[in-house]
């Protein structure tokens, strides 16, 4: 069955069609770009519809619902590519990055608490460590792989040092050395096979997949 047939089969109300189409597009985005993609928060009913659509489409793995804590009713639906589930490595080429997060406060919070996983950050938040700064806690949760895969930041050490990167829980690599192996000027979008046989998935402009206005 195609997309429209599956959505029509699952939808109960006219507005369900738009919701399910957006969720389907998130899954397609993940498959097309090879990077995780997530919905907004879904109600229990919307979660049920989403799961029914995925089952009908024969999609039985590669996604997860998460509300940030165990008792949450509203949850985000995240779609994960294979590399994000099987111990892969995400390498970020970041020659111009000088700080963590988009402002000084976020940078300070990141250096203090690190990308140390959802459970630890939530516990710190409950203890008042973030003084009510929910966005700072959310940034640290979203920036952690929770042990599913490793994250390597390839920076110029004069901009962001090895000590700073490793201090927040990421691996560090020298940008110039890394870019010689994974040259962003010669790699093509999607799958590439390097001369030594290593297979990588290259995303030249990841922000387009992670920050898209709707």
N, C-alpha and C. Protein backbone atom coordinates (compact mmCIF):
# COMPACT_ATOMS: atom_id res chain seq x y z
N UNK A 1 0.83 -1.20 0.00
CA UNK A 1 0.00 0.00 0.00
C UNK A 1 0.87 1.25 0.00
N UNK A 2 0.40 2.28 -0.70
CA UNK A 2 1.16 3.52 -0.72
C UNK A 2 0.79 4.39 0.47
N UNK A 3 1.47 5.52 0.58
CA UNK A 3 1.30 6.43 1.72
C UNK A 3 -0.16 6.83 1.91
N UNK A 4 -0.81 7.32 0.87
CA UNK A 4 -2.17 7.83 1.00
C UNK A 4 -3.15 6.74 1.37
N UNK A 5 -2.95 5.54 0.83
CA UNK A 5 -3.84 4.42 1.16
C UNK A 5 -3.71 4.03 2.62
N UNK A 6 -2.48 3.98 3.11
CA UNK A 6 -2.24 3.61 4.51
C UNK A 6 -2.83 4.65 5.44
N UNK A 7 -2.61 5.94 5.13
CA UNK A 7 -3.15 7.01 5.99
C UNK A 7 -4.67 6.96 6.01
N UNK A 8 -5.29 6.75 4.85
CA UNK A 8 -6.75 6.67 4.78
C UNK A 8 -7.28 5.49 5.59
N UNK A 9 -6.52 4.42 5.62
CA UNK A 9 -6.95 3.22 6.35
C UNK A 9 -6.92 3.44 7.86
N UNK A 10 -5.97 4.27 8.33
CA UNK A 10 -5.77 4.45 9.77
C UNK A 10 -6.53 5.65 10.33
N UNK A 11 -6.63 6.72 9.56
CA UNK A 11 -7.23 7.97 10.05
C UNK A 11 -8.68 7.75 10.48
N UNK A 12 -9.04 8.37 11.60
CA UNK A 12 -10.40 8.28 12.12
C UNK A 12 -11.18 9.57 11.91
N UNK A 13 -10.45 10.69 11.87
CA UNK A 13 -11.04 12.01 11.68
C UNK A 13 -10.30 12.70 10.54
N UNK A 14 -10.93 13.68 9.89
CA UNK A 14 -10.25 14.38 8.78
C UNK A 14 -8.90 14.97 9.18
N UNK A 15 -8.82 15.53 10.40
CA UNK A 15 -7.55 16.15 10.83
C UNK A 15 -6.45 15.12 11.07
N UNK A 16 -6.86 13.85 11.25
CA UNK A 16 -5.85 12.80 11.44
C UNK A 16 -4.97 12.63 10.21
N UNK A 17 -5.51 12.90 9.05
CA UNK A 17 -4.77 12.71 7.81
C UNK A 17 -3.54 13.62 7.76
N UNK A 18 -3.73 14.88 8.16
CA UNK A 18 -2.62 15.83 8.16
C UNK A 18 -1.56 15.41 9.17
N UNK A 19 -2.00 15.02 10.37
CA UNK A 19 -1.05 14.58 11.39
C UNK A 19 -0.24 13.38 10.90
N UNK A 20 -0.92 12.38 10.37
CA UNK A 20 -0.23 11.16 9.94
C UNK A 20 0.69 11.43 8.75
N UNK A 21 0.29 12.36 7.88
CA UNK A 21 1.15 12.71 6.75
C UNK A 21 2.44 13.36 7.24
N UNK A 22 2.34 14.20 8.27
CA UNK A 22 3.54 14.84 8.83
C UNK A 22 4.46 13.80 9.48
N UNK A 23 3.86 12.84 10.19
CA UNK A 23 4.66 11.79 10.82
C UNK A 23 5.33 10.93 9.75
N UNK A 24 4.59 10.60 8.71
CA UNK A 24 5.16 9.82 7.61
C UNK A 24 6.35 10.57 7.00
N UNK A 25 6.19 11.88 6.83
CA UNK A 25 7.27 12.69 6.24
C UNK A 25 8.51 12.70 7.13
N UNK A 26 8.33 12.65 8.45
CA UNK A 26 9.48 12.57 9.35
C UNK A 26 10.25 11.27 9.13
N UNK A 27 9.51 10.18 8.98
CA UNK A 27 10.17 8.90 8.71
C UNK A 27 10.90 8.95 7.37
N UNK A 28 10.26 9.53 6.37
CA UNK A 28 10.89 9.64 5.06
C UNK A 28 12.14 10.52 5.12
N UNK A 29 12.08 11.58 5.93
CA UNK A 29 13.23 12.47 6.10
C UNK A 29 14.40 11.71 6.70
N UNK A 30 14.12 10.89 7.70
CA UNK A 30 15.18 10.09 8.31
C UNK A 30 15.81 9.15 7.29
N UNK A 31 14.98 8.48 6.50
CA UNK A 31 15.51 7.55 5.51
C UNK A 31 16.29 8.27 4.42
N UNK A 32 15.82 9.44 4.02
CA UNK A 32 16.44 10.17 2.92
C UNK A 32 17.78 10.79 3.34
N UNK A 33 17.83 11.35 4.55
CA UNK A 33 19.02 12.07 4.97
C UNK A 33 19.94 11.26 5.87
N UNK A 34 19.42 10.15 6.42
CA UNK A 34 20.26 9.32 7.26
C UNK A 34 20.56 9.92 8.61
N UNK A 35 19.71 10.84 9.08
CA UNK A 35 19.88 11.44 10.40
C UNK A 35 18.58 11.27 11.18
N UNK A 36 18.63 11.24 12.52
CA UNK A 36 17.40 11.11 13.30
C UNK A 36 16.41 12.23 13.00
N UNK A 37 15.13 11.93 13.08
CA UNK A 37 14.07 12.91 12.87
C UNK A 37 12.98 12.67 13.90
N UNK A 38 12.40 13.75 14.42
CA UNK A 38 11.42 13.62 15.49
C UNK A 38 10.20 14.49 15.23
N UNK A 39 9.07 14.04 15.75
CA UNK A 39 7.84 14.82 15.71
C UNK A 39 7.82 15.77 16.91
N UNK A 40 6.76 16.57 17.00
CA UNK A 40 6.49 17.28 18.23
C UNK A 40 5.85 16.33 19.23
N UNK A 41 5.44 16.86 20.38
CA UNK A 41 4.81 16.01 21.39
C UNK A 41 3.43 15.55 20.89
N UNK A 42 3.17 14.26 21.05
CA UNK A 42 1.92 13.65 20.61
C UNK A 42 1.10 13.22 21.82
N UNK A 43 -0.21 13.38 21.72
CA UNK A 43 -1.11 12.90 22.77
C UNK A 43 -1.17 11.38 22.71
N UNK A 44 -1.71 10.73 23.76
CA UNK A 44 -1.85 9.27 23.71
C UNK A 44 -2.62 8.79 22.49
N UNK A 45 -3.68 9.50 22.14
CA UNK A 45 -4.45 9.10 20.94
C UNK A 45 -3.61 9.23 19.69
N UNK A 46 -2.85 10.32 19.56
CA UNK A 46 -2.01 10.52 18.39
C UNK A 46 -0.89 9.47 18.32
N UNK A 47 -0.37 9.08 19.49
CA UNK A 47 0.64 8.02 19.52
C UNK A 47 0.05 6.71 19.00
N UNK A 48 -1.18 6.43 19.42
CA UNK A 48 -1.85 5.20 18.97
C UNK A 48 -2.03 5.21 17.45
N UNK A 49 -2.45 6.35 16.90
CA UNK A 49 -2.63 6.46 15.46
C UNK A 49 -1.29 6.29 14.73
N UNK A 50 -0.25 6.94 15.26
CA UNK A 50 1.07 6.85 14.63
C UNK A 50 1.55 5.40 14.59
N UNK A 51 1.40 4.70 15.72
CA UNK A 51 1.87 3.32 15.77
C UNK A 51 1.05 2.43 14.86
N UNK A 52 -0.26 2.69 14.76
CA UNK A 52 -1.11 1.91 13.86
C UNK A 52 -0.68 2.12 12.41
N UNK A 53 -0.33 3.37 12.07
CA UNK A 53 0.12 3.64 10.70
C UNK A 53 1.43 2.93 10.40
N UNK A 54 2.36 2.98 11.35
CA UNK A 54 3.66 2.34 11.13
C UNK A 54 3.51 0.83 11.00
N UNK A 55 2.67 0.22 11.84
CA UNK A 55 2.44 -1.23 11.74
C UNK A 55 1.82 -1.59 10.40
N UNK A 56 0.86 -0.77 9.97
CA UNK A 56 0.20 -1.03 8.69
C UNK A 56 1.20 -0.94 7.54
N UNK A 57 2.18 -0.04 7.68
CA UNK A 57 3.21 0.13 6.65
C UNK A 57 4.31 -0.91 6.76
N UNK A 58 4.23 -1.77 7.78
CA UNK A 58 5.25 -2.80 7.96
C UNK A 58 6.52 -2.29 8.61
N UNK A 59 6.43 -1.12 9.28
CA UNK A 59 7.58 -0.54 9.97
C UNK A 59 7.50 -0.97 11.43
N UNK A 60 8.35 -1.90 11.83
CA UNK A 60 8.25 -2.48 13.17
C UNK A 60 9.42 -2.11 14.08
N UNK A 61 10.41 -1.40 13.57
CA UNK A 61 11.57 -1.03 14.37
C UNK A 61 12.13 0.29 13.85
N UNK A 62 13.14 0.81 14.57
CA UNK A 62 13.77 2.05 14.13
C UNK A 62 13.05 3.29 14.59
N UNK A 63 12.16 3.15 15.58
CA UNK A 63 11.49 4.34 16.12
C UNK A 63 11.23 4.13 17.61
N UNK A 64 10.99 5.24 18.30
CA UNK A 64 10.75 5.17 19.73
C UNK A 64 9.92 6.37 20.17
N UNK A 65 9.06 6.15 21.17
CA UNK A 65 8.30 7.22 21.80
C UNK A 65 9.00 7.59 23.11
N UNK A 66 9.12 8.88 23.38
CA UNK A 66 9.80 9.30 24.60
C UNK A 66 9.21 10.62 25.08
N UNK A 67 8.80 10.63 26.34
CA UNK A 67 8.25 11.85 26.92
C UNK A 67 9.19 12.57 27.85
N UNK A 68 10.42 12.03 28.01
CA UNK A 68 11.40 12.68 28.87
C UNK A 68 11.42 12.12 30.28
N UNK A 69 10.31 11.51 30.73
CA UNK A 69 10.27 10.83 32.02
C UNK A 69 9.21 9.74 31.95
N UNK A 70 9.32 8.79 32.83
CA UNK A 70 8.54 7.56 32.73
C UNK A 70 7.04 7.74 32.68
N UNK A 71 6.49 8.71 33.44
CA UNK A 71 5.04 8.85 33.55
C UNK A 71 4.45 9.80 32.52
N UNK A 72 5.24 10.30 31.61
CA UNK A 72 4.75 11.30 30.65
C UNK A 72 3.67 10.71 29.76
N UNK A 73 2.58 11.45 29.55
CA UNK A 73 1.54 11.03 28.63
C UNK A 73 1.84 11.49 27.21
N UNK A 74 2.22 12.74 27.07
CA UNK A 74 2.57 13.27 25.76
C UNK A 74 4.02 12.90 25.45
N UNK A 75 4.24 12.36 24.26
CA UNK A 75 5.57 11.87 23.92
C UNK A 75 5.97 12.28 22.51
N UNK A 76 7.27 12.39 22.32
CA UNK A 76 7.85 12.65 21.00
C UNK A 76 8.11 11.31 20.32
N UNK A 77 7.85 11.24 19.04
CA UNK A 77 8.16 10.05 18.25
C UNK A 77 9.43 10.33 17.45
N UNK A 78 10.47 9.53 17.70
CA UNK A 78 11.75 9.71 17.02
C UNK A 78 12.03 8.54 16.10
N UNK A 79 12.51 8.86 14.92
CA UNK A 79 12.92 7.84 13.95
C UNK A 79 14.45 7.83 13.88
N UNK A 80 15.04 6.65 13.99
CA UNK A 80 16.48 6.52 14.07
C UNK A 80 17.03 5.71 12.91
N UNK A 81 18.06 6.23 12.22
CA UNK A 81 18.71 5.44 11.18
C UNK A 81 19.49 4.29 11.80
N UNK A 82 19.91 3.35 10.98
CA UNK A 82 20.59 2.16 11.49
C UNK A 82 21.82 2.49 12.31
N UNK A 83 22.60 3.50 11.86
CA UNK A 83 23.84 3.79 12.57
C UNK A 83 23.59 4.30 13.98
N UNK A 84 22.40 4.87 14.22
CA UNK A 84 22.09 5.40 15.54
C UNK A 84 21.62 4.31 16.50
N UNK A 85 21.45 3.08 16.00
CA UNK A 85 20.96 2.00 16.84
C UNK A 85 21.99 0.90 17.05
N UNK A 86 23.04 0.87 16.23
CA UNK A 86 23.91 -0.29 16.29
C UNK A 86 25.35 0.05 16.65
N UNK A 87 25.57 1.08 17.47
CA UNK A 87 26.92 1.39 17.91
C UNK A 87 27.75 2.12 16.89
N UNK A 88 27.13 2.88 15.99
CA UNK A 88 27.87 3.65 15.00
C UNK A 88 28.56 4.86 15.60
N UNK A 89 29.15 5.67 14.74
CA UNK A 89 29.84 6.88 15.18
C UNK A 89 29.35 8.07 14.37
N UNK A 90 29.02 9.14 15.05
CA UNK A 90 28.66 10.40 14.41
C UNK A 90 29.84 11.34 14.54
N UNK A 91 30.39 11.78 13.40
CA UNK A 91 31.52 12.72 13.40
C UNK A 91 31.01 14.07 12.92
N UNK A 92 31.23 15.09 13.73
CA UNK A 92 30.80 16.44 13.40
C UNK A 92 32.02 17.25 13.00
N UNK A 93 32.08 17.70 11.76
CA UNK A 93 33.15 18.57 11.30
C UNK A 93 32.80 20.00 11.70
N UNK A 94 33.53 20.55 12.65
CA UNK A 94 33.14 21.82 13.25
C UNK A 94 34.32 22.78 13.34
N UNK A 95 34.85 23.22 12.20
CA UNK A 95 36.06 24.06 12.22
C UNK A 95 35.86 25.42 12.87
N UNK A 96 34.64 25.95 12.82
CA UNK A 96 34.42 27.29 13.36
C UNK A 96 33.76 27.34 14.72
N UNK A 97 33.45 26.18 15.28
CA UNK A 97 32.74 26.14 16.57
C UNK A 97 33.68 26.56 17.70
N UNK A 98 33.20 27.48 18.53
CA UNK A 98 33.99 27.98 19.66
C UNK A 98 33.31 27.74 21.00
N UNK A 99 32.05 27.30 20.97
CA UNK A 99 31.30 27.12 22.22
C UNK A 99 30.25 26.05 22.01
N UNK A 100 29.62 25.61 23.12
CA UNK A 100 28.55 24.62 23.09
C UNK A 100 27.22 25.34 23.24
N UNK A 101 26.28 25.06 22.34
CA UNK A 101 24.99 25.73 22.44
C UNK A 101 25.01 27.08 21.75
N UNK A 102 23.83 27.72 21.76
CA UNK A 102 23.69 28.95 20.97
C UNK A 102 23.92 30.23 21.76
N UNK A 103 24.20 30.14 23.05
CA UNK A 103 24.47 31.37 23.81
C UNK A 103 25.40 31.04 24.98
N UNK A 104 25.85 32.09 25.67
CA UNK A 104 26.83 31.90 26.74
C UNK A 104 26.28 31.06 27.88
N UNK A 105 25.02 31.27 28.24
CA UNK A 105 24.44 30.49 29.33
C UNK A 105 24.42 29.00 29.00
N UNK A 106 24.04 28.66 27.75
CA UNK A 106 24.00 27.27 27.34
C UNK A 106 25.40 26.67 27.35
N UNK A 107 26.37 27.45 26.92
CA UNK A 107 27.75 26.99 26.91
C UNK A 107 28.22 26.68 28.33
N UNK A 108 27.91 27.55 29.27
CA UNK A 108 28.32 27.34 30.66
C UNK A 108 27.66 26.10 31.25
N UNK A 109 26.36 25.92 30.99
CA UNK A 109 25.66 24.76 31.51
C UNK A 109 26.23 23.46 30.92
N UNK A 110 26.57 23.50 29.63
CA UNK A 110 27.11 22.31 28.98
C UNK A 110 28.46 21.95 29.57
N UNK A 111 29.32 22.94 29.77
CA UNK A 111 30.63 22.68 30.35
C UNK A 111 30.53 22.18 31.79
N UNK A 112 29.49 22.61 32.49
CA UNK A 112 29.33 22.22 33.89
C UNK A 112 28.79 20.80 34.02
N UNK A 113 27.77 20.45 33.23
CA UNK A 113 27.08 19.16 33.41
C UNK A 113 27.35 18.15 32.30
N UNK A 114 27.70 18.62 31.11
CA UNK A 114 28.07 17.73 30.02
C UNK A 114 26.89 17.04 29.36
N UNK A 115 27.18 16.39 28.23
CA UNK A 115 26.19 15.58 27.53
C UNK A 115 26.24 14.17 28.12
N UNK A 116 25.65 14.03 29.28
CA UNK A 116 25.84 12.81 30.08
C UNK A 116 24.62 11.90 30.13
N UNK A 117 23.65 12.13 29.25
CA UNK A 117 22.52 11.22 29.17
C UNK A 117 21.25 11.77 29.81
N UNK A 118 20.13 11.30 29.29
CA UNK A 118 18.83 11.80 29.73
C UNK A 118 18.59 11.60 31.22
N UNK A 119 18.84 10.38 31.72
CA UNK A 119 18.50 10.08 33.11
C UNK A 119 19.25 10.98 34.08
N UNK A 120 20.55 11.17 33.84
CA UNK A 120 21.34 12.00 34.76
C UNK A 120 20.88 13.46 34.70
N UNK A 121 20.62 13.97 33.50
CA UNK A 121 20.21 15.36 33.37
C UNK A 121 18.84 15.58 34.00
N UNK A 122 17.93 14.64 33.82
CA UNK A 122 16.61 14.77 34.44
C UNK A 122 16.72 14.77 35.97
N UNK A 123 17.59 13.92 36.50
CA UNK A 123 17.77 13.88 37.93
C UNK A 123 18.35 15.20 38.44
N UNK A 124 19.32 15.75 37.73
CA UNK A 124 19.88 17.04 38.09
C UNK A 124 18.82 18.14 38.02
N UNK A 125 17.96 18.06 37.02
CA UNK A 125 16.89 19.06 36.89
C UNK A 125 15.93 18.99 38.07
N UNK A 126 15.57 17.77 38.46
CA UNK A 126 14.67 17.61 39.60
C UNK A 126 15.29 18.13 40.89
N UNK A 127 16.62 18.05 40.96
CA UNK A 127 17.33 18.54 42.15
C UNK A 127 17.51 20.05 42.13
N UNK A 128 17.08 20.70 41.04
CA UNK A 128 17.19 22.16 40.97
C UNK A 128 18.49 22.68 40.40
N UNK A 129 19.29 21.78 39.81
CA UNK A 129 20.61 22.20 39.31
C UNK A 129 20.50 23.26 38.21
N UNK A 130 19.43 23.23 37.45
CA UNK A 130 19.30 24.15 36.32
C UNK A 130 18.50 25.40 36.66
N UNK A 131 18.06 25.52 37.90
CA UNK A 131 17.33 26.69 38.37
C UNK A 131 16.15 27.02 37.45
N UNK A 132 15.45 25.97 37.02
CA UNK A 132 14.27 26.18 36.20
C UNK A 132 14.55 26.41 34.73
N UNK A 133 15.81 26.33 34.31
CA UNK A 133 16.15 26.57 32.90
C UNK A 133 15.89 25.29 32.09
N UNK A 134 14.65 25.10 31.72
CA UNK A 134 14.24 23.87 31.04
C UNK A 134 14.95 23.70 29.71
N UNK A 135 15.17 24.80 28.98
CA UNK A 135 15.80 24.70 27.67
C UNK A 135 17.24 24.22 27.78
N UNK A 136 17.93 24.61 28.84
CA UNK A 136 19.31 24.14 29.03
C UNK A 136 19.33 22.64 29.26
N UNK A 137 18.41 22.15 30.09
CA UNK A 137 18.33 20.71 30.34
C UNK A 137 17.98 19.97 29.06
N UNK A 138 17.03 20.52 28.29
CA UNK A 138 16.62 19.87 27.04
C UNK A 138 17.79 19.81 26.05
N UNK A 139 18.59 20.87 26.00
CA UNK A 139 19.75 20.89 25.11
C UNK A 139 20.72 19.76 25.45
N UNK A 140 20.96 19.54 26.73
CA UNK A 140 21.90 18.51 27.14
C UNK A 140 21.35 17.10 26.89
N UNK A 141 20.04 16.95 27.02
CA UNK A 141 19.43 15.65 26.72
C UNK A 141 19.50 15.37 25.23
N UNK A 142 19.16 16.35 24.42
CA UNK A 142 19.15 16.15 22.97
C UNK A 142 20.55 15.98 22.40
N UNK A 143 21.55 16.52 23.08
CA UNK A 143 22.92 16.42 22.60
C UNK A 143 23.61 15.13 22.99
N UNK A 144 22.95 14.28 23.75
CA UNK A 144 23.54 13.02 24.18
C UNK A 144 22.97 11.87 23.37
N UNK A 145 23.81 10.89 23.07
CA UNK A 145 23.33 9.69 22.36
C UNK A 145 22.81 8.64 23.32
N UNK A 146 22.91 8.88 24.63
CA UNK A 146 22.50 7.90 25.64
C UNK A 146 23.19 6.55 25.43
N UNK A 147 24.42 6.59 24.93
CA UNK A 147 25.18 5.37 24.77
C UNK A 147 24.86 4.56 23.54
N UNK A 148 23.94 5.02 22.69
CA UNK A 148 23.56 4.25 21.50
C UNK A 148 24.66 4.31 20.43
N UNK A 149 25.38 5.41 20.36
CA UNK A 149 26.47 5.57 19.40
C UNK A 149 27.43 6.63 19.96
N UNK A 150 28.63 6.69 19.40
CA UNK A 150 29.61 7.67 19.86
C UNK A 150 29.51 8.95 19.02
N UNK A 151 29.88 10.05 19.66
CA UNK A 151 29.87 11.36 18.99
C UNK A 151 31.28 11.93 19.06
N UNK A 152 31.83 12.28 17.89
CA UNK A 152 33.16 12.87 17.82
C UNK A 152 33.06 14.27 17.27
N UNK A 153 33.62 15.23 17.99
CA UNK A 153 33.66 16.64 17.56
C UNK A 153 35.02 16.90 16.96
N UNK A 154 35.08 17.20 15.68
CA UNK A 154 36.34 17.53 15.02
C UNK A 154 36.46 19.05 14.95
N UNK A 155 37.28 19.63 15.80
CA UNK A 155 37.40 21.08 15.91
C UNK A 155 38.83 21.53 15.65
N UNK A 156 39.00 22.83 15.48
CA UNK A 156 40.33 23.42 15.50
C UNK A 156 40.65 23.71 16.96
N UNK A 157 41.75 23.18 17.49
CA UNK A 157 42.02 23.30 18.92
C UNK A 157 42.12 24.73 19.43
N UNK A 158 42.48 25.67 18.55
CA UNK A 158 42.52 27.07 19.00
C UNK A 158 41.13 27.65 19.21
N UNK A 159 40.11 26.99 18.63
CA UNK A 159 38.73 27.43 18.80
C UNK A 159 38.04 26.70 19.96
N UNK A 160 38.17 25.37 19.95
CA UNK A 160 37.55 24.54 20.99
C UNK A 160 38.51 23.39 21.25
N UNK A 161 39.09 23.37 22.43
CA UNK A 161 40.19 22.46 22.73
C UNK A 161 39.72 21.02 22.94
N UNK A 162 40.67 20.12 22.87
CA UNK A 162 40.41 18.71 23.16
C UNK A 162 39.87 18.56 24.57
N UNK A 163 40.46 19.26 25.52
CA UNK A 163 40.03 19.16 26.92
C UNK A 163 38.58 19.59 27.08
N UNK A 164 38.18 20.65 26.37
CA UNK A 164 36.81 21.14 26.48
C UNK A 164 35.83 20.13 25.89
N UNK A 165 36.16 19.56 24.73
CA UNK A 165 35.26 18.61 24.07
C UNK A 165 35.13 17.33 24.90
N UNK A 166 36.24 16.79 25.34
CA UNK A 166 36.19 15.56 26.13
C UNK A 166 35.56 15.81 27.49
N UNK A 167 35.64 17.05 27.96
CA UNK A 167 35.06 17.39 29.26
C UNK A 167 33.54 17.35 29.27
N UNK A 168 32.90 17.48 28.10
CA UNK A 168 31.43 17.41 28.06
C UNK A 168 30.93 16.03 27.65
N UNK A 169 31.86 15.09 27.42
CA UNK A 169 31.45 13.72 27.14
C UNK A 169 31.56 13.28 25.70
N UNK A 170 32.08 14.16 24.82
CA UNK A 170 32.29 13.77 23.42
C UNK A 170 33.73 13.32 23.21
N UNK A 171 33.94 12.58 22.13
CA UNK A 171 35.30 12.33 21.68
C UNK A 171 35.78 13.56 20.90
N UNK A 172 37.10 13.73 20.85
CA UNK A 172 37.65 14.86 20.11
C UNK A 172 38.54 14.37 18.98
N UNK A 173 38.55 15.13 17.88
CA UNK A 173 39.48 14.88 16.78
C UNK A 173 39.90 16.22 16.20
N UNK A 174 41.11 16.26 15.66
CA UNK A 174 41.60 17.47 15.02
C UNK A 174 40.89 17.67 13.69
N UNK A 175 40.36 18.87 13.46
CA UNK A 175 39.58 19.10 12.25
C UNK A 175 40.39 18.88 10.98
N UNK A 176 41.60 19.45 10.92
CA UNK A 176 42.39 19.37 9.69
C UNK A 176 42.67 17.91 9.34
N UNK A 177 43.04 17.13 10.33
CA UNK A 177 43.33 15.72 10.10
C UNK A 177 42.08 14.95 9.67
N UNK A 178 40.97 15.22 10.34
CA UNK A 178 39.73 14.53 10.03
C UNK A 178 39.21 14.90 8.64
N UNK A 179 39.32 16.20 8.29
CA UNK A 179 38.82 16.66 7.00
C UNK A 179 39.66 16.12 5.84
N UNK A 180 40.91 15.75 6.10
CA UNK A 180 41.69 15.14 5.04
C UNK A 180 41.14 13.75 4.70
N UNK A 181 40.67 13.05 5.73
CA UNK A 181 40.08 11.73 5.46
C UNK A 181 38.64 11.85 4.97
N UNK A 182 37.87 12.71 5.62
CA UNK A 182 36.47 12.90 5.24
C UNK A 182 36.33 14.32 4.68
N UNK A 183 36.77 14.50 3.45
CA UNK A 183 36.82 15.82 2.84
C UNK A 183 35.42 16.27 2.44
N UNK A 184 34.86 17.28 3.11
CA UNK A 184 33.49 17.70 2.79
C UNK A 184 33.36 18.30 1.39
N UNK A 185 34.48 18.65 0.78
CA UNK A 185 34.43 19.24 -0.56
C UNK A 185 34.32 18.16 -1.65
N UNK A 186 34.68 16.93 -1.31
CA UNK A 186 34.64 15.87 -2.32
C UNK A 186 33.59 14.80 -2.04
N UNK A 187 33.13 14.70 -0.80
CA UNK A 187 32.09 13.72 -0.47
C UNK A 187 30.77 14.14 -1.08
N UNK A 188 29.97 13.19 -1.47
CA UNK A 188 28.64 13.49 -1.99
C UNK A 188 27.60 13.18 -0.91
N UNK A 189 26.47 13.85 -1.01
CA UNK A 189 25.40 13.62 -0.05
C UNK A 189 24.99 12.15 -0.09
N UNK A 190 24.83 11.55 1.10
CA UNK A 190 24.41 10.16 1.19
C UNK A 190 25.59 9.23 1.37
N UNK A 191 25.45 7.99 0.91
CA UNK A 191 26.46 6.97 1.13
C UNK A 191 27.69 7.19 0.27
N UNK A 192 28.86 7.01 0.89
CA UNK A 192 30.14 7.08 0.21
C UNK A 192 30.99 5.89 0.65
N UNK A 193 31.81 5.38 -0.27
CA UNK A 193 32.78 4.35 0.06
C UNK A 193 34.17 4.92 -0.12
N UNK A 194 34.97 4.96 0.96
CA UNK A 194 36.31 5.51 0.91
C UNK A 194 37.26 4.51 0.24
N UNK A 195 38.44 4.99 -0.18
CA UNK A 195 39.38 4.10 -0.88
C UNK A 195 39.74 2.83 -0.10
N UNK A 196 39.73 2.90 1.24
CA UNK A 196 40.07 1.71 2.03
C UNK A 196 38.86 0.83 2.31
N UNK A 197 37.71 1.17 1.72
CA UNK A 197 36.52 0.35 1.87
C UNK A 197 35.55 0.81 2.95
N UNK A 198 35.93 1.78 3.77
CA UNK A 198 35.02 2.26 4.81
C UNK A 198 33.80 2.91 4.17
N UNK A 199 32.61 2.56 4.68
CA UNK A 199 31.37 3.15 4.20
C UNK A 199 30.88 4.19 5.20
N UNK A 200 30.55 5.38 4.70
CA UNK A 200 30.05 6.45 5.56
C UNK A 200 28.83 7.08 4.91
N UNK A 201 28.02 7.71 5.74
CA UNK A 201 26.87 8.47 5.24
C UNK A 201 27.15 9.93 5.51
N UNK A 202 27.23 10.72 4.47
CA UNK A 202 27.62 12.13 4.60
C UNK A 202 26.40 13.04 4.48
N UNK A 203 26.28 13.97 5.45
CA UNK A 203 25.24 14.99 5.42
C UNK A 203 25.95 16.34 5.40
N UNK A 204 25.92 17.00 4.26
CA UNK A 204 26.67 18.23 4.11
C UNK A 204 26.10 19.40 4.88
N UNK A 205 24.79 19.46 5.01
CA UNK A 205 24.15 20.56 5.73
C UNK A 205 23.15 19.99 6.73
N UNK A 206 23.64 19.42 7.83
CA UNK A 206 22.73 18.75 8.78
C UNK A 206 21.69 19.67 9.38
N UNK A 207 21.98 20.98 9.46
CA UNK A 207 21.01 21.89 10.06
C UNK A 207 19.71 21.92 9.27
N UNK A 208 19.76 21.67 7.97
CA UNK A 208 18.54 21.69 7.17
C UNK A 208 17.61 20.56 7.58
N UNK A 209 18.18 19.46 8.07
CA UNK A 209 17.36 18.34 8.50
C UNK A 209 16.92 18.44 9.94
N UNK A 210 17.67 19.19 10.74
CA UNK A 210 17.38 19.26 12.16
C UNK A 210 16.55 20.49 12.55
N UNK A 211 16.66 21.56 11.77
CA UNK A 211 15.95 22.78 12.09
C UNK A 211 15.20 23.24 10.83
N UNK A 212 13.97 22.80 10.71
CA UNK A 212 13.18 23.13 9.53
C UNK A 212 11.83 23.68 9.96
N UNK A 213 11.53 24.89 9.51
CA UNK A 213 10.27 25.51 9.88
C UNK A 213 9.13 24.83 9.12
N UNK A 214 8.00 24.70 9.80
CA UNK A 214 6.82 24.10 9.18
C UNK A 214 5.64 25.05 9.33
